[in-house]
Structures are given as C-alpha cells and as structure tokens.
C-alpha cells in the first residue's frame, strides 16, 4: 500500500505529485508535502506540473515537508529506536 517511489522521493526531498490511492494519503498531506490529483485526470497532472515548474518556492516547500515527513514517520533508524524502547518497557514490566 505504500509506493516505494514515493518513499524514495520523500527521502530525497522532492516535490511530489500523486494520486490519493492505497496508502498514499497516510504518507503525504495534500498541499503540505505533496500535490494530489485524481486518477485519470491528465489535465490535473499538467496543471500540477506547470504549477511546480513556475513556483520554485512551492517546489522547495513541498520537498522539505516531504523530507521531514519521511524522517518523522519512515526513517528506519527512528523505527528501530521505537522498537527498542518498546522492548525495554516490556522487559521492565
């Protein structure tokens, strides 16, 4: 349910245009860390591409927010630390 290409783009800090299908809405927030378009609407894709091409600030903001979302939710080392804390708390109890 989580496209690897979106995780890779998030980690790279790229602006993302995607459809809100499967697990994508749990990965990105519309207009904060990505741009959502409806499946099958090529004119929405064209409009989103033009928007990103013409607005460097938007590209940078979306990319930065996507990177931060990746680091906060999907970074392996962060998840590993959470698992370690869970096991430590279980061992104590």
N, C-alpha and C. Protein backbone atom coordinates (compact mmCIF):
# COMPACT_ATOMS: atom_id res chain seq x y z
N UNK A 1 0.78 -1.21 0.00
CA UNK A 1 0.00 0.00 0.00
C UNK A 1 0.82 1.27 0.00
N UNK A 2 2.13 1.18 0.19
CA UNK A 2 2.99 2.37 0.19
C UNK A 2 3.98 2.27 -0.97
N UNK A 3 3.78 3.08 -1.99
CA UNK A 3 4.69 3.01 -3.14
C UNK A 3 6.13 3.39 -2.75
N UNK A 4 7.05 2.53 -3.08
CA UNK A 4 8.46 2.77 -2.78
C UNK A 4 8.95 4.05 -3.47
N UNK A 5 8.47 4.32 -4.67
CA UNK A 5 8.92 5.53 -5.39
C UNK A 5 8.55 6.79 -4.62
N UNK A 6 7.42 6.79 -3.92
CA UNK A 6 7.06 7.96 -3.13
C UNK A 6 7.96 8.06 -1.90
N UNK A 7 8.25 6.94 -1.25
CA UNK A 7 9.19 6.97 -0.12
C UNK A 7 10.56 7.49 -0.57
N UNK A 8 11.01 7.04 -1.73
CA UNK A 8 12.31 7.50 -2.24
C UNK A 8 12.29 9.00 -2.54
N UNK A 9 11.20 9.48 -3.14
CA UNK A 9 11.08 10.91 -3.44
C UNK A 9 11.02 11.72 -2.15
N UNK A 10 10.30 11.21 -1.15
CA UNK A 10 10.24 11.89 0.14
C UNK A 10 11.63 11.99 0.76
N UNK A 11 12.34 10.89 0.77
CA UNK A 11 13.69 10.87 1.36
C UNK A 11 14.62 11.83 0.63
N UNK A 12 14.43 11.95 -0.68
CA UNK A 12 15.27 12.84 -1.49
C UNK A 12 14.84 14.31 -1.36
N UNK A 13 13.71 14.56 -0.72
CA UNK A 13 13.23 15.93 -0.56
C UNK A 13 12.68 16.53 -1.84
N UNK A 14 12.02 15.70 -2.63
CA UNK A 14 11.46 16.18 -3.89
C UNK A 14 9.99 16.53 -3.75
N UNK A 15 9.54 17.48 -4.54
CA UNK A 15 8.11 17.79 -4.61
C UNK A 15 7.43 16.61 -5.30
N UNK A 16 6.29 16.21 -4.78
CA UNK A 16 5.63 15.01 -5.26
C UNK A 16 4.23 15.33 -5.76
N UNK A 17 3.92 14.81 -6.93
CA UNK A 17 2.56 14.84 -7.47
C UNK A 17 2.10 13.39 -7.52
N UNK A 18 0.95 13.10 -6.94
CA UNK A 18 0.49 11.72 -6.87
C UNK A 18 -1.03 11.67 -6.79
N UNK A 19 -1.54 10.46 -6.86
CA UNK A 19 -2.98 10.25 -6.68
C UNK A 19 -3.22 9.77 -5.26
N UNK A 20 -4.35 10.13 -4.67
CA UNK A 20 -4.63 9.71 -3.29
C UNK A 20 -5.24 8.31 -3.22
N UNK A 21 -4.45 7.32 -3.60
CA UNK A 21 -4.93 5.94 -3.60
C UNK A 21 -4.09 5.11 -2.64
N UNK A 22 -4.62 3.94 -2.27
CA UNK A 22 -3.95 2.99 -1.37
C UNK A 22 -3.47 3.73 -0.12
N UNK A 23 -2.20 3.58 0.24
CA UNK A 23 -1.67 4.18 1.46
C UNK A 23 -1.11 5.58 1.28
N UNK A 24 -1.20 6.13 0.10
CA UNK A 24 -0.60 7.44 -0.18
C UNK A 24 -1.12 8.55 0.74
N UNK A 25 -2.42 8.65 1.01
CA UNK A 25 -2.88 9.72 1.90
C UNK A 25 -2.31 9.63 3.33
N UNK A 26 -1.86 8.44 3.73
CA UNK A 26 -1.21 8.31 5.04
C UNK A 26 0.26 8.72 4.98
N UNK A 27 0.81 8.80 3.77
CA UNK A 27 2.21 9.16 3.61
C UNK A 27 2.39 10.67 3.46
N UNK A 28 1.48 11.29 2.74
CA UNK A 28 1.61 12.70 2.39
C UNK A 28 0.36 13.47 2.81
N UNK A 29 0.54 14.77 2.98
CA UNK A 29 -0.59 15.65 3.25
C UNK A 29 -0.75 16.57 2.05
N UNK A 30 -1.96 16.60 1.50
CA UNK A 30 -2.22 17.42 0.31
C UNK A 30 -1.86 18.87 0.55
N UNK A 31 -1.13 19.43 -0.39
CA UNK A 31 -0.71 20.83 -0.39
C UNK A 31 0.27 21.18 0.72
N UNK A 32 0.72 20.17 1.47
CA UNK A 32 1.74 20.40 2.50
C UNK A 32 3.02 19.65 2.15
N UNK A 33 2.88 18.38 1.82
CA UNK A 33 4.05 17.58 1.45
C UNK A 33 3.89 16.93 0.09
N UNK A 34 2.81 17.26 -0.60
CA UNK A 34 2.60 16.74 -1.94
C UNK A 34 1.36 17.35 -2.57
N UNK A 35 1.22 17.14 -3.84
CA UNK A 35 0.04 17.59 -4.57
C UNK A 35 -0.70 16.34 -5.02
N UNK A 36 -1.97 16.27 -4.67
CA UNK A 36 -2.81 15.15 -5.07
C UNK A 36 -3.63 15.52 -6.30
N UNK A 37 -3.68 14.58 -7.22
CA UNK A 37 -4.55 14.73 -8.39
C UNK A 37 -5.42 13.48 -8.46
N UNK A 38 -6.56 13.58 -9.09
CA UNK A 38 -7.45 12.43 -9.19
C UNK A 38 -6.98 11.50 -10.33
N UNK A 39 -7.06 10.20 -10.11
CA UNK A 39 -6.64 9.25 -11.15
C UNK A 39 -7.42 9.48 -12.45
N UNK A 40 -6.69 9.45 -13.55
CA UNK A 40 -7.32 9.56 -14.85
C UNK A 40 -7.57 10.97 -15.34
N UNK A 41 -7.20 11.98 -14.57
CA UNK A 41 -7.42 13.37 -14.96
C UNK A 41 -6.10 13.99 -15.40
N UNK A 42 -5.73 13.76 -16.64
CA UNK A 42 -4.44 14.23 -17.14
C UNK A 42 -4.32 15.75 -17.08
N UNK A 43 -5.44 16.47 -17.21
CA UNK A 43 -5.36 17.93 -17.14
C UNK A 43 -4.95 18.39 -15.73
N UNK A 44 -5.30 17.64 -14.70
CA UNK A 44 -4.84 17.96 -13.34
C UNK A 44 -3.34 17.74 -13.22
N UNK A 45 -2.85 16.69 -13.84
CA UNK A 45 -1.41 16.43 -13.83
C UNK A 45 -0.66 17.55 -14.54
N UNK A 46 -1.13 17.95 -15.70
CA UNK A 46 -0.49 19.03 -16.44
C UNK A 46 -0.49 20.31 -15.61
N UNK A 47 -1.62 20.64 -14.99
CA UNK A 47 -1.71 21.85 -14.17
C UNK A 47 -0.75 21.80 -12.99
N UNK A 48 -0.64 20.63 -12.36
CA UNK A 48 0.27 20.48 -11.22
C UNK A 48 1.73 20.61 -11.67
N UNK A 49 2.07 20.02 -12.80
CA UNK A 49 3.43 20.14 -13.32
C UNK A 49 3.78 21.59 -13.64
N UNK A 50 2.87 22.29 -14.27
CA UNK A 50 3.10 23.70 -14.59
C UNK A 50 3.26 24.51 -13.31
N UNK A 51 2.41 24.22 -12.34
CA UNK A 51 2.49 24.93 -11.06
C UNK A 51 3.86 24.75 -10.41
N UNK A 52 4.36 23.54 -10.40
CA UNK A 52 5.68 23.29 -9.80
C UNK A 52 6.80 23.90 -10.63
N UNK A 53 6.65 23.85 -11.94
CA UNK A 53 7.68 24.43 -12.80
C UNK A 53 7.79 25.93 -12.56
N UNK A 54 6.67 26.59 -12.34
CA UNK A 54 6.66 28.05 -12.22
C UNK A 54 6.85 28.57 -10.80
N UNK A 55 6.78 27.71 -9.82
CA UNK A 55 6.85 28.17 -8.42
C UNK A 55 7.95 27.42 -7.66
N UNK A 56 9.15 27.98 -7.71
CA UNK A 56 10.30 27.35 -7.05
C UNK A 56 10.08 27.25 -5.54
N UNK A 57 9.46 28.25 -4.97
CA UNK A 57 9.21 28.24 -3.53
C UNK A 57 8.29 27.08 -3.14
N UNK A 58 7.26 26.84 -3.93
CA UNK A 58 6.36 25.72 -3.68
C UNK A 58 7.11 24.40 -3.80
N UNK A 59 7.94 24.26 -4.85
CA UNK A 59 8.74 23.03 -5.02
C UNK A 59 9.60 22.78 -3.78
N UNK A 60 10.28 23.82 -3.33
CA UNK A 60 11.17 23.68 -2.18
C UNK A 60 10.39 23.35 -0.90
N UNK A 61 9.27 24.03 -0.70
CA UNK A 61 8.47 23.80 0.50
C UNK A 61 7.90 22.39 0.52
N UNK A 62 7.31 21.96 -0.59
CA UNK A 62 6.77 20.60 -0.65
C UNK A 62 7.87 19.56 -0.44
N UNK A 63 9.01 19.76 -1.07
CA UNK A 63 10.12 18.84 -0.92
C UNK A 63 10.64 18.78 0.51
N UNK A 64 10.80 19.93 1.13
CA UNK A 64 11.27 19.98 2.52
C UNK A 64 10.27 19.29 3.45
N UNK A 65 8.99 19.59 3.26
CA UNK A 65 7.95 18.97 4.10
C UNK A 65 7.88 17.46 3.89
N UNK A 66 8.06 17.03 2.65
CA UNK A 66 8.06 15.59 2.36
C UNK A 66 9.25 14.92 3.06
N UNK A 67 10.41 15.56 3.00
CA UNK A 67 11.61 15.01 3.66
C UNK A 67 11.39 14.92 5.17
N UNK A 68 10.83 15.97 5.76
CA UNK A 68 10.57 15.96 7.20
C UNK A 68 9.56 14.87 7.57
N UNK A 69 8.54 14.70 6.74
CA UNK A 69 7.56 13.64 7.00
C UNK A 69 8.22 12.27 6.93
N UNK A 70 9.11 12.09 5.95
CA UNK A 70 9.83 10.82 5.83
C UNK A 70 10.66 10.57 7.09
N UNK A 71 11.42 11.57 7.51
CA UNK A 71 12.28 11.41 8.68
C UNK A 71 11.46 11.14 9.94
N UNK A 72 10.32 11.76 10.03
CA UNK A 72 9.50 11.61 11.23
C UNK A 72 8.77 10.27 11.27
N UNK A 73 8.33 9.78 10.12
CA UNK A 73 7.47 8.59 10.11
C UNK A 73 8.09 7.33 9.53
N UNK A 74 9.06 7.46 8.62
CA UNK A 74 9.50 6.28 7.87
C UNK A 74 10.99 5.97 7.98
N UNK A 75 11.76 6.83 8.60
CA UNK A 75 13.20 6.58 8.71
C UNK A 75 13.43 5.30 9.51
N UNK A 76 14.20 4.38 8.98
CA UNK A 76 14.42 3.07 9.60
C UNK A 76 14.99 3.21 11.00
N UNK A 77 15.99 4.06 11.17
CA UNK A 77 16.64 4.18 12.48
C UNK A 77 15.66 4.69 13.53
N UNK A 78 14.74 5.55 13.12
CA UNK A 78 13.72 6.05 14.06
C UNK A 78 12.80 4.91 14.48
N UNK A 79 12.38 4.11 13.54
CA UNK A 79 11.53 2.97 13.86
C UNK A 79 12.25 1.97 14.73
N UNK A 80 13.52 1.77 14.47
CA UNK A 80 14.31 0.85 15.27
C UNK A 80 14.38 1.33 16.72
N UNK A 81 14.58 2.63 16.92
CA UNK A 81 14.61 3.18 18.27
C UNK A 81 13.27 2.99 18.98
N UNK A 82 12.19 3.13 18.26
CA UNK A 82 10.86 2.94 18.85
C UNK A 82 10.68 1.49 19.29
N UNK A 83 11.14 0.56 18.47
CA UNK A 83 11.05 -0.86 18.82
C UNK A 83 11.92 -1.16 20.04
N UNK A 84 13.11 -0.59 20.09
CA UNK A 84 14.00 -0.80 21.25
C UNK A 84 13.34 -0.29 22.53
N UNK A 85 12.73 0.89 22.47
CA UNK A 85 12.05 1.44 23.65
C UNK A 85 10.88 0.55 24.07
N UNK A 86 10.15 0.04 23.10
CA UNK A 86 9.03 -0.85 23.41
C UNK A 86 9.53 -2.10 24.13
N UNK A 87 10.58 -2.74 23.58
CA UNK A 87 11.12 -3.94 24.22
C UNK A 87 11.65 -3.63 25.60
N UNK A 88 12.33 -2.51 25.77
CA UNK A 88 12.86 -2.13 27.08
C UNK A 88 11.73 -1.97 28.09
N UNK A 89 10.63 -1.35 27.68
CA UNK A 89 9.49 -1.17 28.60
C UNK A 89 8.84 -2.50 28.93
N UNK A 90 8.80 -3.42 27.97
CA UNK A 90 8.22 -4.73 28.22
C UNK A 90 9.09 -5.55 29.16
N UNK A 91 10.39 -5.43 29.00
CA UNK A 91 11.32 -6.17 29.87
C UNK A 91 11.20 -5.66 31.32
N UNK A 92 11.03 -4.35 31.48
CA UNK A 92 10.90 -3.78 32.82
C UNK A 92 9.62 -4.24 33.51
N UNK A 93 8.57 -4.45 32.74
CA UNK A 93 7.32 -4.86 33.36
C UNK A 93 7.18 -6.36 33.30
